[in-house]
Amino acid sequence: MGEKRVTFKDIADHTGFSKTTISRYFNKPDYLTPENRQKISMALKELHYKENKVAQILARGETNFIGLIVPHMFMSFYSHLLDRFLHTYDHFDYKFLVFSGGADPVSERKYIRELLSYQIEGLVILSHMIPSEELASYDIPVVAIEREDRAISSVNTDNYTGGVMATELLIRNQCDQLIYVCTDSRQEVPSYDRYRGFLDTCQKNGIAQDAFFRDSIFSYQMMYQFSEHALNCICNSHDGKKKGIFCSNDVTANIMLNLLFRKYGCLPDDFRIIGFDDSPTAQESVLPLSSIRQQIDLIVAEAMRILDSQIRARKDDPSCILQPKHSLIEPQLIIRQTTSG
């Protein structure tokens, strides 16, 4: 409180260097000898200098800001991803400006314009509202996660393999009617491969299958209503059969489980449930849910590796054309109490 702000002139007077030399220490330190850098560093400690990040941004023209857009936060998968991205600061030194895209492409375009006005150096996007061709036109490095990615880089889970894993587990549980419950049926979205894996595995094993789809779910209430409708249909249509329900995410699987507990007080013997993501929701359910784990730490690390390499490439050659890079991360089968081994 009340301390005088230390300026470049103060540091120059203290060291005997020019203000230009002091500026180079902060913005182009390689231009100085190790001895001079050490002398300035000691002066900063003696003067109790506090960094002015804004001044450095203006001087360097580099913000180290990354934009991040998630669709919503009611699914713990997205909040878990966001948490892991924020924890990459110590390794990559990027700061994140975060927006929740919601259901409105107009608002999402507004958010992107706002991010660009902050001179973000890259963008991580999980929202589905804007086509990848449009995102590529902004001419900054962009990495997508679990969304349409034809024109931009992406990191996704191997959703097809995850779909096969989940379906094979339900078959091993001796279910004779398998049902896929999905909250996004757009075929261009990577998660649609979960259904492809489910369908191919059912057909390969001669197992009866059914499916329920609902697009444009943007709130927990909408997901609850859809899940309740799907479960009522399943109970009415497949009575007397052992039913294996594969949900496209853990939130839907948890709602299904809660509905069954409210109706029967337990998970009935003729039901088996598995979700997808292995988010905290799966572990904290009234009965811990089996799930297909998306390895979020690996997804985030790979996304940041791609983004960082493209940011550096653009700094080295501002005219370079960024070629999209795509990575697949293997899923893991996590067996808990809603299925047997």
Protein backbone atom coordinates (compact mmCIF):
# COMPACT_ATOMS: atom_id res chain seq x y z
CA MET A 1 0.00 0.00 0.00
CA GLY A 2 1.41 3.40 -0.97
CA GLU A 3 4.59 1.96 -2.54
CA LYS A 4 5.99 3.87 -5.51
CA ARG A 5 5.79 1.92 -8.79
CA VAL A 6 9.27 1.14 -10.09
CA THR A 7 9.73 2.31 -13.69
CA PHE A 8 12.25 1.41 -16.39
CA LYS A 9 13.89 4.82 -15.69
CA ASP A 10 14.34 3.88 -12.03
CA ILE A 11 16.01 0.61 -13.04
CA ALA A 12 18.19 2.40 -15.59
CA ASP A 13 19.32 4.96 -13.00
CA HIS A 14 20.06 2.19 -10.51
CA THR A 15 22.13 0.10 -12.95
CA GLY A 16 23.64 2.75 -15.18
CA PHE A 17 22.12 1.14 -18.26
CA SER A 18 19.88 2.92 -20.76
CA LYS A 19 16.10 2.45 -20.74
CA THR A 20 16.49 0.65 -24.09
CA THR A 21 18.77 -1.91 -22.46
CA ILE A 22 16.29 -2.40 -19.61
CA SER A 23 13.48 -2.90 -22.15
CA ARG A 24 15.57 -5.54 -23.94
CA TYR A 25 16.02 -7.40 -20.67
CA PHE A 26 12.25 -7.93 -20.48
CA ASN A 27 11.45 -8.33 -24.17
CA LYS A 28 14.60 -9.65 -25.88
CA PRO A 29 16.87 -10.94 -23.09
CA ASP A 30 19.06 -12.93 -25.51
CA TYR A 31 20.37 -9.58 -26.80
CA LEU A 32 22.14 -9.00 -23.47
CA THR A 33 25.19 -10.68 -22.01
CA PRO A 34 24.68 -13.03 -19.05
CA GLU A 35 26.58 -10.56 -16.85
CA ASN A 36 24.28 -7.67 -17.74
CA ARG A 37 21.17 -9.81 -17.27
CA GLN A 38 22.44 -10.78 -13.83
CA LYS A 39 23.12 -7.14 -12.89
CA ILE A 40 19.59 -6.09 -13.93
CA SER A 41 18.07 -9.07 -12.12
CA MET A 42 19.80 -8.06 -8.89
CA ALA A 43 18.59 -4.48 -9.34
CA LEU A 44 14.99 -5.67 -9.67
CA LYS A 45 15.23 -7.44 -6.33
CA GLU A 46 16.84 -4.47 -4.63
CA LEU A 47 14.17 -2.10 -5.98
CA HIS A 48 11.32 -4.56 -5.18
CA TYR A 49 10.20 -4.41 -8.79
CA LYS A 50 6.80 -5.92 -9.64
CA GLU A 51 6.24 -7.14 -13.18
CA ASN A 52 3.89 -5.16 -15.41
CA LYS A 53 2.36 -7.84 -17.64
CA VAL A 54 0.39 -5.31 -19.67
CA ALA A 55 3.56 -3.42 -20.57
CA GLN A 56 5.24 -6.65 -21.65
CA ILE A 57 2.29 -7.58 -23.85
CA LEU A 58 2.37 -4.17 -25.53
CA ALA A 59 6.12 -4.35 -26.03
CA ARG A 60 6.29 -7.92 -27.35
CA GLY A 61 3.00 -8.10 -29.17
CA GLU A 62 2.54 -11.54 -27.58
CA THR A 63 -0.23 -12.15 -25.06
CA ASN A 64 0.19 -15.86 -24.28
CA PHE A 65 -3.62 -15.94 -24.15
CA ILE A 66 -5.52 -19.01 -25.37
CA GLY A 67 -9.26 -18.84 -25.99
CA LEU A 68 -11.33 -21.80 -24.79
CA ILE A 69 -15.00 -22.35 -25.64
CA VAL A 70 -17.05 -25.12 -24.03
CA PRO A 71 -20.69 -25.87 -24.94
CA HIS A 72 -21.97 -25.83 -21.34
CA MET A 73 -20.91 -26.82 -17.85
CA PHE A 74 -23.73 -29.08 -16.61
CA MET A 75 -21.83 -32.15 -17.86
CA SER A 76 -18.86 -32.83 -15.59
CA PHE A 77 -16.82 -34.04 -18.58
CA TYR A 78 -16.47 -30.43 -19.74
CA SER A 79 -15.71 -29.04 -16.29
CA HIS A 80 -13.07 -31.75 -15.83
CA LEU A 81 -11.49 -30.87 -19.19
CA LEU A 82 -11.48 -27.18 -18.31
CA ASP A 83 -9.78 -27.91 -14.99
CA ARG A 84 -7.02 -29.88 -16.71
CA PHE A 85 -6.44 -27.15 -19.30
CA LEU A 86 -6.07 -24.54 -16.56
CA HIS A 87 -3.47 -26.75 -14.90
CA THR A 88 -1.21 -26.68 -17.99
CA TYR A 89 -0.07 -23.13 -17.15
CA ASP A 90 3.04 -24.27 -15.27
CA HIS A 91 4.25 -26.26 -18.29
CA PHE A 92 3.18 -24.15 -21.28
CA ASP A 93 2.83 -20.67 -19.70
CA TYR A 94 -0.45 -19.91 -21.51
CA LYS A 95 -3.40 -18.19 -19.82
CA PHE A 96 -6.97 -19.09 -20.76
CA LEU A 97 -9.93 -16.85 -21.55
CA VAL A 98 -13.04 -19.04 -21.22
CA PHE A 99 -16.54 -18.72 -22.66
CA SER A 100 -19.50 -21.09 -22.51
CA GLY A 101 -20.96 -21.28 -26.02
CA GLY A 102 -24.42 -22.54 -25.16
CA ALA A 103 -26.91 -23.06 -28.00
CA ASP A 104 -26.53 -19.85 -29.96
CA PRO A 105 -24.06 -19.58 -32.87
CA VAL A 106 -24.59 -15.82 -32.99
CA SER A 107 -23.42 -15.48 -29.39
CA GLU A 108 -20.54 -17.84 -30.02
CA ARG A 109 -19.32 -15.75 -32.95
CA LYS A 110 -19.52 -12.73 -30.65
CA TYR A 111 -17.38 -14.56 -28.08
CA ILE A 112 -14.77 -15.40 -30.71
CA ARG A 113 -14.61 -11.77 -31.86
CA GLU A 114 -14.11 -10.79 -28.23
CA LEU A 115 -11.31 -13.34 -27.87
CA LEU A 116 -9.63 -12.14 -31.06
CA SER A 117 -9.73 -8.58 -29.74
CA TYR A 118 -7.56 -9.81 -26.85
CA GLN A 119 -5.05 -11.05 -29.46
CA ILE A 120 -5.34 -14.70 -28.43
CA GLU A 121 -2.58 -16.82 -29.87
CA GLY A 122 -4.70 -19.94 -30.25
CA LEU A 123 -8.15 -21.40 -29.65
CA VAL A 124 -9.37 -24.63 -28.05
CA ILE A 125 -12.98 -25.36 -28.94
CA LEU A 126 -15.36 -28.04 -27.70
CA SER A 127 -18.59 -26.37 -28.75
CA HIS A 128 -20.39 -27.56 -31.90
CA MET A 129 -22.08 -24.38 -33.09
CA ILE A 130 -19.65 -23.12 -35.75
CA PRO A 131 -18.37 -25.19 -38.73
CA SER A 132 -14.65 -25.96 -38.73
CA GLU A 133 -14.20 -24.21 -42.09
CA GLU A 134 -15.32 -20.96 -40.47
CA LEU A 135 -13.04 -21.50 -37.49
CA ALA A 136 -10.09 -22.08 -39.84
CA SER A 137 -10.82 -18.78 -41.57
CA TYR A 138 -9.83 -16.85 -38.41
CA ASP A 139 -6.24 -17.72 -39.28
CA ILE A 140 -5.07 -18.66 -35.80
CA PRO A 141 -4.12 -22.13 -34.50
CA VAL A 142 -7.30 -24.00 -33.49
CA VAL A 143 -7.61 -27.40 -31.80
CA ALA A 144 -11.00 -29.10 -31.44
CA ILE A 145 -12.00 -31.79 -28.95
CA GLU A 146 -14.92 -34.12 -29.69
CA ARG A 147 -16.48 -31.97 -32.42
CA GLU A 148 -16.52 -31.75 -36.22
CA ASP A 149 -12.92 -31.14 -37.30
CA ARG A 150 -12.54 -31.36 -41.09
CA ALA A 151 -10.65 -28.05 -41.44
CA ILE A 152 -8.92 -27.74 -38.05
CA SER A 153 -6.69 -29.81 -35.79
CA SER A 154 -8.30 -32.10 -33.24
CA VAL A 155 -7.75 -34.54 -30.41
CA ASN A 156 -10.45 -37.15 -29.87
CA THR A 157 -10.98 -40.38 -28.04
CA ASP A 158 -11.16 -43.46 -30.26
CA ASN A 159 -14.94 -43.46 -29.92
CA TYR A 160 -15.50 -46.50 -32.17
CA THR A 161 -13.28 -48.69 -29.99
CA GLY A 162 -15.03 -47.32 -26.91
CA GLY A 163 -18.40 -48.25 -28.40
CA VAL A 164 -17.19 -51.78 -29.07
CA MET A 165 -15.83 -52.13 -25.53
CA ALA A 166 -19.10 -51.03 -23.92
CA THR A 167 -21.24 -53.27 -26.12
CA GLU A 168 -19.05 -56.34 -25.61
CA LEU A 169 -19.27 -55.85 -21.84
CA LEU A 170 -23.08 -55.82 -21.98
CA ILE A 171 -23.01 -58.97 -24.10
CA ARG A 172 -20.73 -60.65 -21.54
CA ASN A 173 -23.38 -59.68 -18.95
CA GLN A 174 -25.75 -61.94 -20.94
CA CYS A 175 -28.05 -59.10 -21.98
CA ASP A 176 -30.32 -60.21 -24.82
CA GLN A 177 -31.59 -56.74 -25.74
CA LEU A 178 -29.13 -53.87 -26.10
CA ILE A 179 -30.19 -50.23 -26.26
CA TYR A 180 -28.10 -47.20 -27.18
CA VAL A 181 -29.24 -43.88 -25.70
CA CYS A 182 -27.63 -40.87 -27.34
CA THR A 183 -27.92 -37.09 -26.89
CA ASP A 184 -26.32 -36.17 -30.23
CA SER A 185 -27.01 -38.05 -33.48
CA ARG A 186 -25.06 -35.83 -35.91
CA GLN A 187 -22.88 -38.15 -37.96
CA GLU A 188 -20.11 -35.57 -38.44
CA VAL A 189 -19.50 -35.42 -34.69
CA PRO A 190 -16.77 -37.86 -33.50
CA SER A 191 -18.96 -39.24 -30.71
CA TYR A 192 -21.28 -40.72 -33.36
CA ASP A 193 -18.63 -43.45 -33.74
CA ARG A 194 -19.76 -44.76 -30.35
CA TYR A 195 -23.03 -45.73 -32.01
CA ARG A 196 -21.22 -47.24 -34.99
CA GLY A 197 -19.18 -49.41 -32.64
CA PHE A 198 -22.36 -50.41 -30.80
CA LEU A 199 -24.24 -51.25 -33.99
CA ASP A 200 -21.42 -53.25 -35.60
CA THR A 201 -20.85 -55.27 -32.42
CA CYS A 202 -24.56 -56.08 -32.05
CA GLN A 203 -24.77 -57.22 -35.66
CA LYS A 204 -21.57 -59.26 -35.38
CA ASN A 205 -22.94 -61.12 -32.35
CA GLY A 206 -26.55 -61.41 -33.53
CA ILE A 207 -27.88 -59.37 -30.57
CA ALA A 208 -31.16 -57.48 -30.80
CA GLN A 209 -30.58 -53.74 -30.60
CA ASP A 210 -32.56 -50.55 -30.27
CA ALA A 211 -31.60 -46.87 -30.09
CA PHE A 212 -32.94 -43.55 -28.83
CA PHE A 213 -31.57 -40.25 -30.13
CA ARG A 214 -32.20 -36.65 -29.23
CA ASP A 215 -30.37 -33.63 -30.63
CA SER A 216 -30.11 -30.09 -29.31
CA ILE A 217 -29.86 -30.79 -25.59
CA PHE A 218 -28.54 -27.70 -23.86
CA SER A 219 -29.59 -28.14 -20.25
CA TYR A 220 -29.77 -30.78 -17.55
CA GLN A 221 -33.57 -30.52 -17.53
CA MET A 222 -33.75 -31.32 -21.25
CA MET A 223 -31.44 -34.30 -20.74
CA TYR A 224 -33.53 -35.52 -17.82
CA GLN A 225 -36.77 -35.34 -19.81
CA PHE A 226 -35.23 -37.20 -22.74
CA SER A 227 -33.74 -39.89 -20.47
CA GLU A 228 -37.06 -40.36 -18.66
CA HIS A 229 -38.90 -40.74 -21.98
CA ALA A 230 -36.32 -43.23 -23.29
CA LEU A 231 -36.45 -45.35 -20.13
CA ASN A 232 -40.26 -45.49 -20.19
CA CYS A 233 -40.12 -46.69 -23.79
CA ILE A 234 -37.46 -49.28 -22.94
CA CYS A 235 -39.51 -50.66 -20.03
CA ASN A 236 -42.68 -50.86 -22.16
CA SER A 237 -41.07 -52.26 -25.31
CA HIS A 238 -38.62 -54.78 -23.86
CA ASP A 239 -40.38 -56.17 -20.81
CA GLY A 240 -39.22 -59.69 -19.93
CA LYS A 241 -35.80 -59.27 -21.54
CA LYS A 242 -32.46 -58.62 -19.88
CA LYS A 243 -31.68 -55.11 -21.04
CA GLY A 244 -28.22 -53.64 -21.50
CA ILE A 245 -28.29 -49.84 -21.80
CA PHE A 246 -25.29 -48.05 -23.28
CA CYS A 247 -25.54 -44.27 -22.74
CA SER A 248 -23.46 -41.85 -24.77
CA ASN A 249 -22.37 -39.99 -21.60
CA ASP A 250 -22.27 -40.53 -17.86
CA VAL A 251 -24.87 -37.87 -17.06
CA THR A 252 -27.52 -39.72 -19.08
CA ALA A 253 -26.46 -43.04 -17.53
CA ASN A 254 -26.71 -41.54 -14.04
CA ILE A 255 -30.20 -40.19 -14.74
CA MET A 256 -31.29 -43.64 -15.97
CA LEU A 257 -29.88 -45.23 -12.83
CA ASN A 258 -31.62 -42.71 -10.56
CA LEU A 259 -34.94 -43.26 -12.32
CA LEU A 260 -34.64 -47.02 -11.85
CA PHE A 261 -33.80 -46.59 -8.16
CA ARG A 262 -36.82 -44.34 -7.67
CA LYS A 263 -39.05 -46.92 -9.32
CA TYR A 264 -37.62 -50.16 -7.90
CA GLY A 265 -35.35 -49.11 -5.01
CA CYS A 266 -32.41 -50.82 -6.70
CA LEU A 267 -30.92 -51.66 -10.09
CA PRO A 268 -33.17 -54.56 -11.19
CA ASP A 269 -31.54 -57.82 -12.27
CA ASP A 270 -32.88 -57.37 -15.80
CA PHE A 271 -30.98 -54.08 -16.31
CA ARG A 272 -27.32 -53.36 -16.91
CA ILE A 273 -26.01 -49.82 -17.58
CA ILE A 274 -22.75 -48.40 -18.89
CA GLY A 275 -21.91 -44.77 -19.59
CA PHE A 276 -19.15 -42.95 -21.46
CA ASP A 277 -16.47 -40.47 -20.25
CA ASP A 278 -15.78 -41.85 -16.75
CA SER A 279 -16.40 -38.38 -15.39
CA PRO A 280 -16.75 -37.83 -11.60
CA THR A 281 -20.49 -38.40 -12.10
CA ALA A 282 -19.81 -42.09 -12.82
CA GLN A 283 -17.85 -42.64 -9.63
CA GLU A 284 -20.25 -40.70 -7.40
CA SER A 285 -23.52 -42.27 -8.54
CA VAL A 286 -25.80 -43.98 -6.04
CA LEU A 287 -24.37 -47.16 -7.56
CA PRO A 288 -20.96 -46.51 -9.18
CA LEU A 289 -21.37 -46.65 -12.95
CA SER A 290 -19.39 -48.71 -15.39
CA SER A 291 -18.06 -46.39 -18.05
CA ILE A 292 -15.68 -45.91 -20.95
CA ARG A 293 -12.94 -43.62 -19.72
CA GLN A 294 -11.77 -40.76 -21.87
CA GLN A 295 -8.17 -40.20 -20.78
CA ILE A 296 -8.56 -36.49 -20.16
CA ASP A 297 -4.98 -35.88 -19.03
CA LEU A 298 -3.67 -37.36 -22.29
CA ILE A 299 -6.26 -35.50 -24.39
CA VAL A 300 -5.36 -32.16 -22.84
CA ALA A 301 -1.61 -32.78 -23.06
CA GLU A 302 -1.87 -33.69 -26.75
CA ALA A 303 -4.13 -30.74 -27.53
CA MET A 304 -1.67 -28.34 -25.90
CA ARG A 305 1.29 -29.96 -27.66
CA ILE A 306 -0.38 -29.45 -31.06
CA LEU A 307 -1.49 -25.92 -30.23
CA ASP A 308 1.89 -24.89 -28.87
CA SER A 309 3.75 -26.28 -31.90
CA GLN A 310 1.46 -24.40 -34.28
CA ILE A 311 1.75 -21.15 -32.30
CA ARG A 312 5.54 -21.43 -32.42
CA ALA A 313 5.48 -22.23 -36.12
CA ARG A 314 3.36 -19.15 -36.79
CA LYS A 315 5.75 -16.97 -34.75
CA ASP A 316 8.72 -18.27 -36.74
CA ASP A 317 6.94 -17.71 -40.06
CA PRO A 318 3.74 -15.62 -39.92
CA SER A 319 2.90 -16.64 -43.50
CA CYS A 320 3.09 -20.41 -42.90
CA ILE A 321 -0.04 -22.43 -43.64
CA LEU A 322 -1.14 -24.50 -40.65
CA GLN A 323 -1.99 -28.05 -41.69
CA PRO A 324 -4.64 -29.75 -39.51
CA LYS A 325 -3.31 -32.49 -37.25
CA HIS A 326 -5.56 -35.18 -35.81
CA SER A 327 -4.82 -37.44 -32.84
CA LEU A 328 -6.79 -40.34 -31.36
CA ILE A 329 -6.48 -41.29 -27.69
CA GLU A 330 -7.30 -44.86 -26.66
CA PRO A 331 -10.28 -45.31 -24.30
CA GLN A 332 -10.29 -47.51 -21.22
CA LEU A 333 -13.04 -49.85 -20.01
CA ILE A 334 -13.93 -49.18 -16.35
CA ILE A 335 -16.12 -51.87 -14.78
CA ARG A 336 -18.14 -50.97 -11.70
CA GLN A 337 -21.36 -52.05 -10.04
CA THR A 338 -23.86 -51.39 -12.84
CA THR A 339 -22.34 -54.30 -14.76
CA SER A 340 -20.54 -57.42 -13.64
CA GLY A 341 -17.12 -58.42 -14.86
